[in-house]
Amino acid sequence: MEYVAVLLPSIVVGLLFWFAMKSIFNADKAERQAEAQAQAEAESRAASTAEHPDSEPNR
């Protein structure tokens, strides 16, 4: 029982660290996906204006 009392705080802190890092990496992944989607939309808009230079984009 003494071993549990000694190891339990370290295990709890390790689990908290693991959950914190997991949430940080998931947030970073979501941010990268959103950035890639925004970049693709911007490239799509640039390509469509390059094909039709006479028309102005809606603002």
C-alpha atoms as a PDB file:
ATOM      1  CA  MET A   1       0.000   0.000   0.000  1.00  0.00           C
ATOM      2  CA  GLU A   2       2.941   2.302   0.595  1.00  0.00           C
ATOM      3  CA  TYR A   3       3.948   2.000  -3.042  1.00  0.00           C
ATOM      4  CA  VAL A   4       0.545   3.206  -4.205  1.00  0.00           C
ATOM      5  CA  ALA A   5       0.733   6.263  -1.945  1.00  0.00           C
ATOM      6  CA  VAL A   6       4.190   7.051  -3.314  1.00  0.00           C
ATOM      7  CA  LEU A   7       3.439   6.473  -6.998  1.00  0.00           C
ATOM      8  CA  LEU A   8      -0.104   7.866  -7.197  1.00  0.00           C
ATOM      9  CA  PRO A   9       0.864  11.584  -7.317  1.00  0.00           C
ATOM     10  CA  SER A  10       3.351  10.946 -10.124  1.00  0.00           C
ATOM     11  CA  ILE A  11       0.797   8.925 -12.088  1.00  0.00           C
ATOM     12  CA  VAL A  12      -1.843  11.636 -11.702  1.00  0.00           C
ATOM     13  CA  VAL A  13       0.563  14.377 -12.783  1.00  0.00           C
ATOM     14  CA  GLY A  14       1.660  12.229 -15.730  1.00  0.00           C
ATOM     15  CA  LEU A  15      -1.943  11.711 -16.813  1.00  0.00           C
ATOM     16  CA  LEU A  16      -2.700  15.428 -16.528  1.00  0.00           C
ATOM     17  CA  PHE A  17       0.372  16.196 -18.644  1.00  0.00           C
ATOM     18  CA  TRP A  18      -0.680  13.578 -21.212  1.00  0.00           C
ATOM     19  CA  PHE A  19      -4.214  15.031 -21.499  1.00  0.00           C
ATOM     20  CA  ALA A  20      -2.837  18.570 -21.786  1.00  0.00           C
ATOM     21  CA  MET A  21      -0.397  17.604 -24.542  1.00  0.00           C
ATOM     22  CA  LYS A  22      -3.091  15.624 -26.353  1.00  0.00           C
ATOM     23  CA  SER A  23      -5.422  18.629 -26.374  1.00  0.00           C
ATOM     24  CA  ILE A  24      -2.621  20.926 -27.572  1.00  0.00           C
ATOM     25  CA  PHE A  25      -1.743  18.582 -30.442  1.00  0.00           C
ATOM     26  CA  ASN A  26      -5.415  18.177 -31.406  1.00  0.00           C
ATOM     27  CA  ALA A  27      -5.864  21.955 -31.442  1.00  0.00           C
ATOM     28  CA  ASP A  28      -2.747  22.323 -33.595  1.00  0.00           C
ATOM     29  CA  LYS A  29      -4.038  19.677 -35.991  1.00  0.00           C
ATOM     30  CA  ALA A  30      -7.389  21.451 -36.305  1.00  0.00           C
ATOM     31  CA  GLU A  31      -5.639  24.790 -36.869  1.00  0.00           C
ATOM     32  CA  ARG A  32      -3.459  23.306 -39.611  1.00  0.00           C
ATOM     33  CA  GLN A  33      -6.522  21.821 -41.324  1.00  0.00           C
ATOM     34  CA  ALA A  34      -8.360  25.148 -41.163  1.00  0.00           C
ATOM     35  CA  GLU A  35      -5.309  26.948 -42.545  1.00  0.00           C
ATOM     36  CA  ALA A  36      -4.994  24.455 -45.394  1.00  0.00           C
ATOM     37  CA  GLN A  37      -8.676  24.860 -46.226  1.00  0.00           C
ATOM     38  CA  ALA A  38      -8.395  28.655 -46.210  1.00  0.00           C
ATOM     39  CA  GLN A  39      -5.311  28.474 -48.410  1.00  0.00           C
ATOM     40  CA  ALA A  40      -7.090  26.170 -50.868  1.00  0.00           C
ATOM     41  CA  GLU A  41     -10.071  28.538 -51.024  1.00  0.00           C
ATOM     42  CA  ALA A  42      -7.773  31.502 -51.632  1.00  0.00           C
ATOM     43  CA  GLU A  43      -5.964  29.654 -54.418  1.00  0.00           C
ATOM     44  CA  SER A  44      -9.313  28.684 -55.916  1.00  0.00           C
ATOM     45  CA  ARG A  45     -10.480  32.298 -55.873  1.00  0.00           C
ATOM     46  CA  ALA A  46      -7.196  33.455 -57.406  1.00  0.00           C
ATOM     47  CA  ALA A  47      -7.490  30.867 -60.155  1.00  0.00           C
ATOM     48  CA  SER A  48     -11.077  31.832 -60.935  1.00  0.00           C
ATOM     49  CA  THR A  49     -10.184  35.541 -61.172  1.00  0.00           C
ATOM     50  CA  ALA A  50      -7.228  34.643 -63.389  1.00  0.00           C
ATOM     51  CA  GLU A  51      -9.611  32.831 -65.741  1.00  0.00           C
ATOM     52  CA  HIS A  52     -12.099  35.724 -65.742  1.00  0.00           C
ATOM     53  CA  PRO A  53     -10.136  38.950 -65.318  1.00  0.00           C
ATOM     54  CA  ASP A  54     -13.059  41.145 -66.482  1.00  0.00           C
ATOM     55  CA  SER A  55     -15.309  40.218 -63.594  1.00  0.00           C
ATOM     56  CA  GLU A  56     -14.627  41.650 -60.161  1.00  0.00           C
ATOM     57  CA  PRO A  57     -15.079  39.485 -57.047  1.00  0.00           C
ATOM     58  CA  ASN A  58     -18.054  40.255 -54.792  1.00  0.00           C
ATOM     59  CA  ARG A  59     -17.018  42.299 -51.787  1.00  0.00           C
END
